[in-house]
């Protein structure tokens, strides 16, 4: 299963790179990471709610979605906002990421249970 997770992580990282590139071109410098993390949280919740097998979860959940979402980039961006004294966007980003992430995981899980 480690190979499934590894292959999936490579795919997820490429997806994140491409989505981030598009987001930066649109001027969504910090918000694109939040969008990536929230969409990944929703999809992970959906996967969990569907009761996926260990192999599917290793490839899609741990692999693709693990490579797609990024905790370290988000925290680097938070430090950048802090250093730039952009406290309003820092607070928004924290709230959207953490509270939004929780809501998106729950929403995905709930939808998965219904399907």
PDB file of N, CA and C in Angstrom:
ATOM      1  N   UNK A   1       0.808  -1.203   0.000  1.00  0.00           N
ATOM      2  CA  UNK A   1       0.000   0.000   0.000  1.00  0.00           C
ATOM      3  C   UNK A   1       0.849   1.264   0.000  1.00  0.00           C
ATOM      4  N   UNK A   2       2.074   1.149   0.459  1.00  0.00           N
ATOM      5  CA  UNK A   2       2.934   2.328   0.489  1.00  0.00           C
ATOM      6  C   UNK A   2       3.180   2.848  -0.926  1.00  0.00           C
ATOM      7  N   UNK A   3       3.225   1.950  -1.898  1.00  0.00           N
ATOM      8  CA  UNK A   3       3.409   2.371  -3.291  1.00  0.00           C
ATOM      9  C   UNK A   3       2.191   3.137  -3.793  1.00  0.00           C
ATOM     10  N   UNK A   4       1.014   2.696  -3.396  1.00  0.00           N
ATOM     11  CA  UNK A   4      -0.203   3.406  -3.791  1.00  0.00           C
ATOM     12  C   UNK A   4      -0.199   4.825  -3.239  1.00  0.00           C
ATOM     13  N   UNK A   5       0.165   4.953  -1.973  1.00  0.00           N
ATOM     14  CA  UNK A   5       0.219   6.278  -1.347  1.00  0.00           C
ATOM     15  C   UNK A   5       1.284   7.147  -2.015  1.00  0.00           C
ATOM     16  N   UNK A   6       2.434   6.573  -2.316  1.00  0.00           N
ATOM     17  CA  UNK A   6       3.516   7.332  -2.945  1.00  0.00           C
ATOM     18  C   UNK A   6       3.173   7.821  -4.338  1.00  0.00           C
ATOM     19  N   UNK A   7       2.588   6.950  -5.145  1.00  0.00           N
ATOM     20  CA  UNK A   7       2.177   7.342  -6.497  1.00  0.00           C
ATOM     21  C   UNK A   7       1.090   8.413  -6.419  1.00  0.00           C
ATOM     22  N   UNK A   8       0.147   8.205  -5.518  1.00  0.00           N
ATOM     23  CA  UNK A   8      -0.913   9.196  -5.328  1.00  0.00           C
ATOM     24  C   UNK A   8      -0.368  10.539  -4.874  1.00  0.00           C
ATOM     25  N   UNK A   9       0.610  10.527  -3.965  1.00  0.00           N
ATOM     26  CA  UNK A   9       1.196  11.775  -3.464  1.00  0.00           C
ATOM     27  C   UNK A   9       1.871  12.556  -4.589  1.00  0.00           C
ATOM     28  N   UNK A  10       2.534  11.847  -5.487  1.00  0.00           N
ATOM     29  CA  UNK A  10       3.169  12.512  -6.631  1.00  0.00           C
ATOM     30  C   UNK A  10       2.115  13.184  -7.507  1.00  0.00           C
ATOM     31  N   UNK A  11       1.027  12.495  -7.756  1.00  0.00           N
ATOM     32  CA  UNK A  11      -0.067  13.063  -8.557  1.00  0.00           C
ATOM     33  C   UNK A  11      -0.657  14.277  -7.848  1.00  0.00           C
ATOM     34  N   UNK A  12      -0.895  14.145  -6.546  1.00  0.00           N
ATOM     35  CA  UNK A  12      -1.461  15.251  -5.769  1.00  0.00           C
ATOM     36  C   UNK A  12      -0.565  16.474  -5.750  1.00  0.00           C
ATOM     37  N   UNK A  13       0.739  16.263  -5.651  1.00  0.00           N
ATOM     38  CA  UNK A  13       1.684  17.389  -5.638  1.00  0.00           C
ATOM     39  C   UNK A  13       1.675  18.128  -6.972  1.00  0.00           C
ATOM     40  N   UNK A  14       1.586  17.387  -8.066  1.00  0.00           N
ATOM     41  CA  UNK A  14       1.519  18.017  -9.390  1.00  0.00           C
ATOM     42  C   UNK A  14       0.213  18.803  -9.524  1.00  0.00           C
ATOM     43  N   UNK A  15      -0.884  18.228  -9.049  1.00  0.00           N
ATOM     44  CA  UNK A  15      -2.167  18.940  -9.076  1.00  0.00           C
ATOM     45  C   UNK A  15      -2.081  20.239  -8.279  1.00  0.00           C
ATOM     46  N   UNK A  16      -1.492  20.168  -7.075  1.00  0.00           N
ATOM     47  CA  UNK A  16      -1.354  21.362  -6.239  1.00  0.00           C
ATOM     48  C   UNK A  16      -0.515  22.417  -6.952  1.00  0.00           C
ATOM     49  N   UNK A  17       0.577  22.004  -7.568  1.00  0.00           N
ATOM     50  CA  UNK A  17       1.447  22.937  -8.291  1.00  0.00           C
ATOM     51  C   UNK A  17       0.669  23.649  -9.398  1.00  0.00           C
ATOM     52  N   UNK A  18      -0.093  22.891 -10.164  1.00  0.00           N
ATOM     53  CA  UNK A  18      -0.848  23.470 -11.279  1.00  0.00           C
ATOM     54  C   UNK A  18      -1.940  24.413 -10.784  1.00  0.00           C
ATOM     55  N   UNK A  19      -2.688  24.000  -9.773  1.00  0.00           N
ATOM     56  CA  UNK A  19      -3.756  24.846  -9.233  1.00  0.00           C
ATOM     57  C   UNK A  19      -3.162  26.115  -8.624  1.00  0.00           C
ATOM     58  N   UNK A  20      -2.042  25.985  -7.916  1.00  0.00           N
ATOM     59  CA  UNK A  20      -1.367  27.150  -7.330  1.00  0.00           C
ATOM     60  C   UNK A  20      -0.903  28.108  -8.419  1.00  0.00           C
ATOM     61  N   UNK A  21      -0.361  27.585  -9.496  1.00  0.00           N
ATOM     62  CA  UNK A  21       0.098  28.432 -10.607  1.00  0.00           C
ATOM     63  C   UNK A  21      -1.049  29.236 -11.203  1.00  0.00           C
ATOM     64  N   UNK A  22      -2.182  28.586 -11.410  1.00  0.00           N
ATOM     65  CA  UNK A  22      -3.356  29.279 -11.946  1.00  0.00           C
ATOM     66  C   UNK A  22      -3.836  30.332 -10.946  1.00  0.00           C
ATOM     67  N   UNK A  23      -3.890  29.967  -9.669  1.00  0.00           N
ATOM     68  CA  UNK A  23      -4.334  30.907  -8.641  1.00  0.00           C
ATOM     69  C   UNK A  23      -3.461  32.143  -8.555  1.00  0.00           C
ATOM     70  N   UNK A  24      -2.161  31.969  -8.667  1.00  0.00           N
ATOM     71  CA  UNK A  24      -1.248  33.118  -8.614  1.00  0.00           C
ATOM     72  C   UNK A  24      -1.431  34.025  -9.826  1.00  0.00           C
ATOM     73  N   UNK A  25      -1.692  33.433 -10.981  1.00  0.00           N
ATOM     74  CA  UNK A  25      -1.940  34.237 -12.180  1.00  0.00           C
ATOM     75  C   UNK A  25      -3.212  35.070 -12.029  1.00  0.00           C
ATOM     76  N   UNK A  26      -4.162  34.553 -11.252  1.00  0.00           N
ATOM     77  CA  UNK A  26      -5.418  35.264 -11.020  1.00  0.00           C
ATOM     78  C   UNK A  26      -5.317  36.259  -9.868  1.00  0.00           C
ATOM     79  N   UNK A  27      -4.157  36.304  -9.212  1.00  0.00           N
ATOM     80  CA  UNK A  27      -3.966  37.232  -8.101  1.00  0.00           C
ATOM     81  C   UNK A  27      -4.469  36.717  -6.768  1.00  0.00           C
ATOM     82  N   UNK A  28      -4.633  35.412  -6.641  1.00  0.00           N
ATOM     83  CA  UNK A  28      -5.137  34.804  -5.407  1.00  0.00           C
ATOM     84  C   UNK A  28      -3.981  34.273  -4.572  1.00  0.00           C
ATOM     85  N   UNK A  29      -2.940  35.053  -4.420  1.00  0.00           N
ATOM     86  CA  UNK A  29      -1.680  34.625  -3.815  1.00  0.00           C
ATOM     87  C   UNK A  29      -1.851  33.726  -2.585  1.00  0.00           C
ATOM     88  N   UNK A  30      -2.519  34.214  -1.567  1.00  0.00           N
ATOM     89  CA  UNK A  30      -2.667  33.420  -0.349  1.00  0.00           C
ATOM     90  C   UNK A  30      -3.920  32.556  -0.374  1.00  0.00           C
ATOM     91  N   UNK A  31      -4.957  33.052  -1.003  1.00  0.00           N
ATOM     92  CA  UNK A  31      -6.241  32.366  -0.934  1.00  0.00           C
ATOM     93  C   UNK A  31      -6.262  31.052  -1.699  1.00  0.00           C
ATOM     94  N   UNK A  32      -5.387  30.885  -2.661  1.00  0.00           N
ATOM     95  CA  UNK A  32      -5.399  29.636  -3.428  1.00  0.00           C
ATOM     96  C   UNK A  32      -5.028  28.451  -2.550  1.00  0.00           C
ATOM     97  N   UNK A  33      -4.111  28.653  -1.599  1.00  0.00           N
ATOM     98  CA  UNK A  33      -3.755  27.560  -0.689  1.00  0.00           C
ATOM     99  C   UNK A  33      -4.946  27.188   0.179  1.00  0.00           C
ATOM    100  N   UNK A  34      -5.684  28.183   0.634  1.00  0.00           N
ATOM    101  CA  UNK A  34      -6.897  27.912   1.409  1.00  0.00           C
ATOM    102  C   UNK A  34      -7.917  27.141   0.596  1.00  0.00           C
ATOM    103  N   UNK A  35      -8.087  27.531  -0.659  1.00  0.00           N
ATOM    104  CA  UNK A  35      -9.020  26.829  -1.541  1.00  0.00           C
ATOM    105  C   UNK A  35      -8.584  25.379  -1.748  1.00  0.00           C
ATOM    106  N   UNK A  36      -7.298  25.184  -1.947  1.00  0.00           N
ATOM    107  CA  UNK A  36      -6.768  23.828  -2.105  1.00  0.00           C
ATOM    108  C   UNK A  36      -7.041  23.008  -0.846  1.00  0.00           C
ATOM    109  N   UNK A  37      -6.734  23.573   0.315  1.00  0.00           N
ATOM    110  CA  UNK A  37      -6.917  22.833   1.563  1.00  0.00           C
ATOM    111  C   UNK A  37      -8.386  22.551   1.859  1.00  0.00           C
ATOM    112  N   UNK A  38      -9.279  23.507   1.572  1.00  0.00           N
ATOM    113  CA  UNK A  38     -10.702  23.283   1.823  1.00  0.00           C
ATOM    114  C   UNK A  38     -11.280  22.243   0.865  1.00  0.00           C
ATOM    115  N   UNK A  39     -10.928  22.330  -0.409  1.00  0.00           N
ATOM    116  CA  UNK A  39     -11.441  21.331  -1.356  1.00  0.00           C
ATOM    117  C   UNK A  39     -10.889  19.949  -1.017  1.00  0.00           C
ATOM    118  N   UNK A  40      -9.622  19.889  -0.610  1.00  0.00           N
ATOM    119  CA  UNK A  40      -9.040  18.614  -0.194  1.00  0.00           C
ATOM    120  C   UNK A  40      -9.707  18.062   1.052  1.00  0.00           C
ATOM    121  N   UNK A  41     -10.039  18.954   1.998  1.00  0.00           N
ATOM    122  CA  UNK A  41     -10.728  18.526   3.219  1.00  0.00           C
ATOM    123  C   UNK A  41     -12.094  17.940   2.883  1.00  0.00           C
ATOM    124  N   UNK A  42     -12.814  18.603   1.982  1.00  0.00           N
ATOM    125  CA  UNK A  42     -14.126  18.103   1.573  1.00  0.00           C
ATOM    126  C   UNK A  42     -14.003  16.730   0.923  1.00  0.00           C
ATOM    127  N   UNK A  43     -13.073  16.600  -0.006  1.00  0.00           N
ATOM    128  CA  UNK A  43     -12.901  15.325  -0.709  1.00  0.00           C
ATOM    129  C   UNK A  43     -12.444  14.215   0.229  1.00  0.00           C
ATOM    130  N   UNK A  44     -11.605  14.553   1.195  1.00  0.00           N
ATOM    131  CA  UNK A  44     -11.170  13.560   2.178  1.00  0.00           C
ATOM    132  C   UNK A  44     -12.343  13.120   3.047  1.00  0.00           C
ATOM    133  N   UNK A  45     -13.178  14.074   3.448  1.00  0.00           N
ATOM    134  CA  UNK A  45     -14.380  13.730   4.202  1.00  0.00           C
ATOM    135  C   UNK A  45     -15.323  12.857   3.392  1.00  0.00           C
ATOM    136  N   UNK A  46     -15.474  13.172   2.121  1.00  0.00           N
ATOM    137  CA  UNK A  46     -16.315  12.379   1.226  1.00  0.00           C
ATOM    138  C   UNK A  46     -15.787  10.954   1.118  1.00  0.00           C
ATOM    139  N   UNK A  47     -14.511  10.828   0.934  1.00  0.00           N
ATOM    140  CA  UNK A  47     -13.870   9.517   0.834  1.00  0.00           C
ATOM    141  C   UNK A  47     -14.088   8.708   2.111  1.00  0.00           C
ATOM    142  N   UNK A  48     -13.937   9.369   3.237  1.00  0.00           N
ATOM    143  CA  UNK A  48     -14.139   8.723   4.535  1.00  0.00           C
ATOM    144  C   UNK A  48     -15.597   8.308   4.709  1.00  0.00           C
ATOM    145  N   UNK A  49     -16.506   9.202   4.327  1.00  0.00           N
ATOM    146  CA  UNK A  49     -17.930   8.914   4.455  1.00  0.00           C
ATOM    147  C   UNK A  49     -18.400   7.788   3.553  1.00  0.00           C
ATOM    148  N   UNK A  50     -17.749   7.621   2.417  1.00  0.00           N
ATOM    149  CA  UNK A  50     -18.111   6.540   1.495  1.00  0.00           C
ATOM    150  C   UNK A  50     -17.633   5.182   1.986  1.00  0.00           C
ATOM    151  N   UNK A  51     -16.776   5.190   2.998  1.00  0.00           N
ATOM    152  CA  UNK A  51     -16.264   3.929   3.535  1.00  0.00           C
ATOM    153  C   UNK A  51     -15.343   3.219   2.559  1.00  0.00           C
ATOM    154  N   UNK A  52     -14.422   3.948   1.979  1.00  0.00           N
ATOM    155  CA  UNK A  52     -13.505   3.394   0.985  1.00  0.00           C
ATOM    156  C   UNK A  52     -12.615   2.298   1.560  1.00  0.00           C
ATOM    157  N   UNK A  53     -12.212   1.379   0.700  1.00  0.00           N
ATOM    158  CA  UNK A  53     -11.306   0.306   1.110  1.00  0.00           C
ATOM    159  C   UNK A  53      -9.942   0.889   1.468  1.00  0.00           C
ATOM    160  N   UNK A  54      -9.112   0.098   2.130  1.00  0.00           N
ATOM    161  CA  UNK A  54      -7.783   0.561   2.545  1.00  0.00           C
ATOM    162  C   UNK A  54      -6.924   0.958   1.349  1.00  0.00           C
ATOM    163  N   UNK A  55      -6.995   0.191   0.275  1.00  0.00           N
ATOM    164  CA  UNK A  55      -6.202   0.492  -0.913  1.00  0.00           C
ATOM    165  C   UNK A  55      -6.631   1.788  -1.581  1.00  0.00           C
ATOM    166  N   UNK A  56      -7.930   1.967  -1.723  1.00  0.00           N
ATOM    167  CA  UNK A  56      -8.447   3.196  -2.330  1.00  0.00           C
ATOM    168  C   UNK A  56      -8.118   4.395  -1.454  1.00  0.00           C
ATOM    169  N   UNK A  57      -8.281   4.234  -0.137  1.00  0.00           N
ATOM    170  CA  UNK A  57      -7.976   5.330   0.782  1.00  0.00           C
ATOM    171  C   UNK A  57      -6.482   5.664   0.753  1.00  0.00           C
ATOM    172  N   UNK A  58      -5.627   4.643   0.665  1.00  0.00           N
ATOM    173  CA  UNK A  58      -4.176   4.884   0.603  1.00  0.00           C
ATOM    174  C   UNK A  58      -3.825   5.688  -0.642  1.00  0.00           C
ATOM    175  N   UNK A  59      -4.414   5.323  -1.778  1.00  0.00           N
ATOM    176  CA  UNK A  59      -4.110   6.011  -3.035  1.00  0.00           C
ATOM    177  C   UNK A  59      -4.741   7.402  -3.096  1.00  0.00           C
ATOM    178  N   UNK A  60      -6.050   7.476  -2.854  1.00  0.00           N
ATOM    179  CA  UNK A  60      -6.759   8.747  -2.989  1.00  0.00           C
ATOM    180  C   UNK A  60      -6.604   9.655  -1.776  1.00  0.00           C
ATOM    181  N   UNK A  61      -6.773   9.102  -0.578  1.00  0.00           N
ATOM    182  CA  UNK A  61      -6.743   9.912   0.645  1.00  0.00           C
ATOM    183  C   UNK A  61      -5.344  10.297   1.070  1.00  0.00           C
ATOM    184  N   UNK A  62      -4.578   9.300   1.496  1.00  0.00           N
ATOM    185  CA  UNK A  62      -3.211   9.558   1.944  1.00  0.00           C
ATOM    186  C   UNK A  62      -2.351  10.052   0.796  1.00  0.00           C
ATOM    187  N   UNK A  63      -2.519   9.462  -0.374  1.00  0.00           N
ATOM    188  CA  UNK A  63      -1.694   9.806  -1.522  1.00  0.00           C
ATOM    189  C   UNK A  63      -2.085  11.104  -2.200  1.00  0.00           C
ATOM    190  N   UNK A  64      -3.084  11.043  -3.061  1.00  0.00           N
ATOM    191  CA  UNK A  64      -3.441  12.216  -3.866  1.00  0.00           C
ATOM    192  C   UNK A  64      -3.831  13.407  -2.995  1.00  0.00           C
ATOM    193  N   UNK A  65      -4.762  13.212  -2.074  1.00  0.00           N
ATOM    194  CA  UNK A  65      -5.201  14.350  -1.267  1.00  0.00           C
ATOM    195  C   UNK A  65      -4.134  14.802  -0.279  1.00  0.00           C
ATOM    196  N   UNK A  66      -3.311  13.877   0.195  1.00  0.00           N
ATOM    197  CA  UNK A  66      -2.190  14.258   1.054  1.00  0.00           C
ATOM    198  C   UNK A  66      -1.163  15.088   0.307  1.00  0.00           C
ATOM    199  N   UNK A  67      -0.917  14.750  -0.957  1.00  0.00           N
ATOM    200  CA  UNK A  67       0.011  15.522  -1.780  1.00  0.00           C
ATOM    201  C   UNK A  67      -0.594  16.827  -2.279  1.00  0.00           C
ATOM    202  N   UNK A  68      -1.903  16.835  -2.434  1.00  0.00           N
ATOM    203  CA  UNK A  68      -2.613  18.015  -2.942  1.00  0.00           C
ATOM    204  C   UNK A  68      -2.738  19.105  -1.879  1.00  0.00           C
ATOM    205  N   UNK A  69      -3.126  18.721  -0.682  1.00  0.00           N
ATOM    206  CA  UNK A  69      -3.274  19.707   0.389  1.00  0.00           C
ATOM    207  C   UNK A  69      -1.915  19.986   1.008  1.00  0.00           C
ATOM    208  N   UNK A  70      -1.812  21.107   1.681  1.00  0.00           N
ATOM    209  CA  UNK A  70      -0.509  21.463   2.222  1.00  0.00           C
ATOM    210  C   UNK A  70      -0.624  22.289   3.490  1.00  0.00           C
ATOM    211  N   UNK A  71      -0.163  21.716   4.560  1.00  0.00           N
ATOM    212  CA  UNK A  71      -0.158  22.402   5.849  1.00  0.00           C
ATOM    213  C   UNK A  71       1.048  23.327   5.958  1.00  0.00           C
ATOM    214  N   UNK A  72       2.186  22.898   5.448  1.00  0.00           N
ATOM    215  CA  UNK A  72       3.408  23.700   5.576  1.00  0.00           C
ATOM    216  C   UNK A  72       3.336  24.984   4.757  1.00  0.00           C
ATOM    217  N   UNK A  73       2.796  24.924   3.552  1.00  0.00           N
ATOM    218  CA  UNK A  73       2.664  26.138   2.745  1.00  0.00           C
ATOM    219  C   UNK A  73       1.728  27.121   3.422  1.00  0.00           C
ATOM    220  N   UNK A  74       0.634  26.619   3.967  1.00  0.00           N
ATOM    221  CA  UNK A  74      -0.310  27.486   4.656  1.00  0.00           C
ATOM    222  C   UNK A  74       0.373  28.209   5.810  1.00  0.00           C
ATOM    223  N   UNK A  75       1.149  27.502   6.599  1.00  0.00           N
ATOM    224  CA  UNK A  75       1.812  28.132   7.737  1.00  0.00           C
ATOM    225  C   UNK A  75       2.888  29.116   7.300  1.00  0.00           C
ATOM    226  N   UNK A  76       3.569  28.839   6.211  1.00  0.00           N
ATOM    227  CA  UNK A  76       4.535  29.791   5.666  1.00  0.00           C
ATOM    228  C   UNK A  76       3.823  31.068   5.232  1.00  0.00           C
ATOM    229  N   UNK A  77       2.669  30.918   4.615  1.00  0.00           N
ATOM    230  CA  UNK A  77       1.896  32.084   4.195  1.00  0.00           C
ATOM    231  C   UNK A  77       1.383  32.869   5.397  1.00  0.00           C
ATOM    232  N   UNK A  78       1.004  32.170   6.461  1.00  0.00           N
ATOM    233  CA  UNK A  78       0.571  32.855   7.681  1.00  0.00           C
ATOM    234  C   UNK A  78       1.708  33.689   8.271  1.00  0.00           C
ATOM    235  N   UNK A  79       2.910  33.145   8.279  1.00  0.00           N
ATOM    236  CA  UNK A  79       4.074  33.886   8.780  1.00  0.00           C
ATOM    237  C   UNK A  79       4.330  35.115   7.906  1.00  0.00           C
ATOM    238  N   UNK A  80       4.164  34.959   6.604  1.00  0.00           N
ATOM    239  CA  UNK A  80       4.353  36.083   5.689  1.00  0.00           C
ATOM    240  C   UNK A  80       3.349  37.199   5.982  1.00  0.00           C
ATOM    241  N   UNK A  81       2.105  36.837   6.230  1.00  0.00           N
ATOM    242  CA  UNK A  81       1.089  37.828   6.582  1.00  0.00           C
ATOM    243  C   UNK A  81       1.419  38.493   7.916  1.00  0.00           C
ATOM    244  N   UNK A  82       1.900  37.714   8.858  1.00  0.00           N
ATOM    245  CA  UNK A  82       2.283  38.247  10.167  1.00  0.00           C
ATOM    246  C   UNK A  82       3.451  39.230  10.037  1.00  0.00           C
ATOM    247  N   UNK A  83       4.456  38.846   9.279  1.00  0.00           N
ATOM    248  CA  UNK A  83       5.620  39.722   9.075  1.00  0.00           C
ATOM    249  C   UNK A  83       5.232  41.012   8.352  1.00  0.00           C
ATOM    250  N   UNK A  84       4.249  40.913   7.478  1.00  0.00           N
ATOM    251  CA  UNK A  84       3.778  42.085   6.745  1.00  0.00           C
ATOM    252  C   UNK A  84       2.751  42.900   7.516  1.00  0.00           C
ATOM    253  N   UNK A  85       2.485  42.521   8.760  1.00  0.00           N
ATOM    254  CA  UNK A  85       1.517  43.214   9.630  1.00  0.00           C
ATOM    255  C   UNK A  85       0.119  43.258   9.012  1.00  0.00           C
ATOM    256  N   UNK A  86      -0.203  42.247   8.225  1.00  0.00           N
ATOM    257  CA  UNK A  86      -1.525  42.156   7.596  1.00  0.00           C
ATOM    258  C   UNK A  86      -2.416  41.301   8.501  1.00  0.00           C
ATOM    259  N   UNK A  87      -2.743  41.853   9.665  1.00  0.00           N
ATOM    260  CA  UNK A  87      -3.439  41.090  10.697  1.00  0.00           C
ATOM    261  C   UNK A  87      -4.866  40.723  10.309  1.00  0.00           C
ATOM    262  N   UNK A  88      -5.512  41.571   9.540  1.00  0.00           N
ATOM    263  CA  UNK A  88      -6.881  41.271   9.125  1.00  0.00           C
ATOM    264  C   UNK A  88      -6.907  40.017   8.253  1.00  0.00           C
ATOM    265  N   UNK A  89      -6.058  39.969   7.218  1.00  0.00           N
ATOM    266  CA  UNK A  89      -6.019  38.786   6.360  1.00  0.00           C
ATOM    267  C   UNK A  89      -5.470  37.573   7.099  1.00  0.00           C
ATOM    268  N   UNK A  90      -4.577  37.786   8.039  1.00  0.00           N
ATOM    269  CA  UNK A  90      -4.078  36.689   8.869  1.00  0.00           C
ATOM    270  C   UNK A  90      -5.232  36.038   9.632  1.00  0.00           C
ATOM    271  N   UNK A  91      -6.064  36.861  10.248  1.00  0.00           N
ATOM    272  CA  UNK A  91      -7.208  36.340  10.998  1.00  0.00           C
ATOM    273  C   UNK A  91      -8.201  35.644  10.072  1.00  0.00           C
ATOM    274  N   UNK A  92      -8.510  36.271   8.937  1.00  0.00           N
ATOM    275  CA  UNK A  92      -9.427  35.649   7.976  1.00  0.00           C
ATOM    276  C   UNK A  92      -8.901  34.289   7.520  1.00  0.00           C
ATOM    277  N   UNK A  93      -7.621  34.265   7.197  1.00  0.00           N
ATOM    278  CA  UNK A  93      -7.005  33.034   6.689  1.00  0.00           C
ATOM    279  C   UNK A  93      -7.054  31.926   7.736  1.00  0.00           C
ATOM    280  N   UNK A  94      -6.754  32.273   8.977  1.00  0.00           N
ATOM    281  CA  UNK A  94      -6.828  31.282  10.057  1.00  0.00           C
ATOM    282  C   UNK A  94      -8.246  30.744  10.217  1.00  0.00           C
ATOM    283  N   UNK A  95      -9.218  31.645  10.258  1.00  0.00           N
ATOM    284  CA  UNK A  95     -10.609  31.230  10.448  1.00  0.00           C
ATOM    285  C   UNK A  95     -11.124  30.397   9.282  1.00  0.00           C
ATOM    286  N   UNK A  96     -10.868  30.877   8.071  1.00  0.00           N
ATOM    287  CA  UNK A  96     -11.343  30.148   6.890  1.00  0.00           C
ATOM    288  C   UNK A  96     -10.695  28.773   6.818  1.00  0.00           C
ATOM    289  N   UNK A  97      -9.399  28.706   7.076  1.00  0.00           N
ATOM    290  CA  UNK A  97      -8.688  27.438   6.957  1.00  0.00           C
ATOM    291  C   UNK A  97      -9.121  26.435   8.017  1.00  0.00           C
ATOM    292  N   UNK A  98      -9.123  26.833   9.271  1.00  0.00           N
ATOM    293  CA  UNK A  98      -9.404  25.867  10.327  1.00  0.00           C
ATOM    294  C   UNK A  98     -10.888  25.594  10.513  1.00  0.00           C
ATOM    295  N   UNK A  99     -11.695  26.640  10.625  1.00  0.00           N
ATOM    296  CA  UNK A  99     -13.133  26.407  10.768  1.00  0.00           C
ATOM    297  C   UNK A  99     -13.730  25.895   9.464  1.00  0.00           C
ATOM    298  N   UNK A 100     -13.306  26.494   8.358  1.00  0.00           N
ATOM    299  CA  UNK A 100     -13.778  26.029   7.056  1.00  0.00           C
ATOM    300  C   UNK A 100     -13.369  24.594   6.792  1.00  0.00           C
ATOM    301  N   UNK A 101     -12.134  24.253   7.143  1.00  0.00           N
ATOM    302  CA  UNK A 101     -11.661  22.880   6.960  1.00  0.00           C
ATOM    303  C   UNK A 101     -12.508  21.882   7.719  1.00  0.00           C
ATOM    304  N   UNK A 102     -12.833  22.216   8.953  1.00  0.00           N
ATOM    305  CA  UNK A 102     -13.682  21.341   9.763  1.00  0.00           C
ATOM    306  C   UNK A 102     -15.058  21.183   9.125  1.00  0.00           C
ATOM    307  N   UNK A 103     -15.632  22.287   8.681  1.00  0.00           N
ATOM    308  CA  UNK A 103     -16.946  22.229   8.033  1.00  0.00           C
ATOM    309  C   UNK A 103     -16.904  21.452   6.720  1.00  0.00           C
ATOM    310  N   UNK A 104     -15.845  21.623   5.953  1.00  0.00           N
ATOM    311  CA  UNK A 104     -15.739  20.928   4.669  1.00  0.00           C
ATOM    312  C   UNK A 104     -15.531  19.426   4.858  1.00  0.00           C
ATOM    313  N   UNK A 105     -14.729  19.031   5.827  1.00  0.00           N
ATOM    314  CA  UNK A 105     -14.566  17.600   6.109  1.00  0.00           C
ATOM    315  C   UNK A 105     -15.904  17.012   6.532  1.00  0.00           C
ATOM    316  N   UNK A 106     -16.600  17.704   7.411  1.00  0.00           N
ATOM    317  CA  UNK A 106     -17.900  17.217   7.865  1.00  0.00           C
ATOM    318  C   UNK A 106     -18.887  17.139   6.696  1.00  0.00           C
ATOM    319  N   UNK A 107     -18.914  18.177   5.853  1.00  0.00           N
ATOM    320  CA  UNK A 107     -19.818  18.172   4.699  1.00  0.00           C
ATOM    321  C   UNK A 107     -19.529  17.028   3.744  1.00  0.00           C
ATOM    322  N   UNK A 108     -18.261  16.777   3.485  1.00  0.00           N
ATOM    323  CA  UNK A 108     -17.890  15.654   2.624  1.00  0.00           C
ATOM    324  C   UNK A 108     -18.255  14.322   3.240  1.00  0.00           C
ATOM    325  N   UNK A 109     -17.979  14.182   4.542  1.00  0.00           N
ATOM    326  CA  UNK A 109     -18.322  12.949   5.255  1.00  0.00           C
ATOM    327  C   UNK A 109     -19.829  12.724   5.218  1.00  0.00           C
ATOM    328  N   UNK A 110     -20.591  13.772   5.480  1.00  0.00           N
ATOM    329  CA  UNK A 110     -22.044  13.668   5.500  1.00  0.00           C
ATOM    330  C   UNK A 110     -22.578  13.258   4.129  1.00  0.00           C
ATOM    331  N   UNK A 111     -22.077  13.898   3.074  1.00  0.00           N
ATOM    332  CA  UNK A 111     -22.493  13.546   1.714  1.00  0.00           C
ATOM    333  C   UNK A 111     -22.119  12.105   1.392  1.00  0.00           C
ATOM    334  N   UNK A 112     -20.924  11.704   1.775  1.00  0.00           N
ATOM    335  CA  UNK A 112     -20.492  10.326   1.541  1.00  0.00           C
ATOM    336  C   UNK A 112     -21.382   9.313   2.229  1.00  0.00           C
ATOM    337  N   UNK A 113     -21.850   9.639   3.418  1.00  0.00           N
ATOM    338  CA  UNK A 113     -22.752   8.737   4.144  1.00  0.00           C
ATOM    339  C   UNK A 113     -24.106   8.628   3.446  1.00  0.00           C
ATOM    340  N   UNK A 114     -24.527   9.714   2.804  1.00  0.00           N
ATOM    341  CA  UNK A 114     -25.809   9.702   2.096  1.00  0.00           C
ATOM    342  C   UNK A 114     -25.742   8.894   0.807  1.00  0.00           C
ATOM    343  N   UNK A 115     -24.567   8.875   0.196  1.00  0.00           N
ATOM    344  CA  UNK A 115     -24.413   8.162  -1.075  1.00  0.00           C
ATOM    345  C   UNK A 115     -24.266   6.721  -0.802  1.00  0.00           C
TER     346      UNK A 115
END
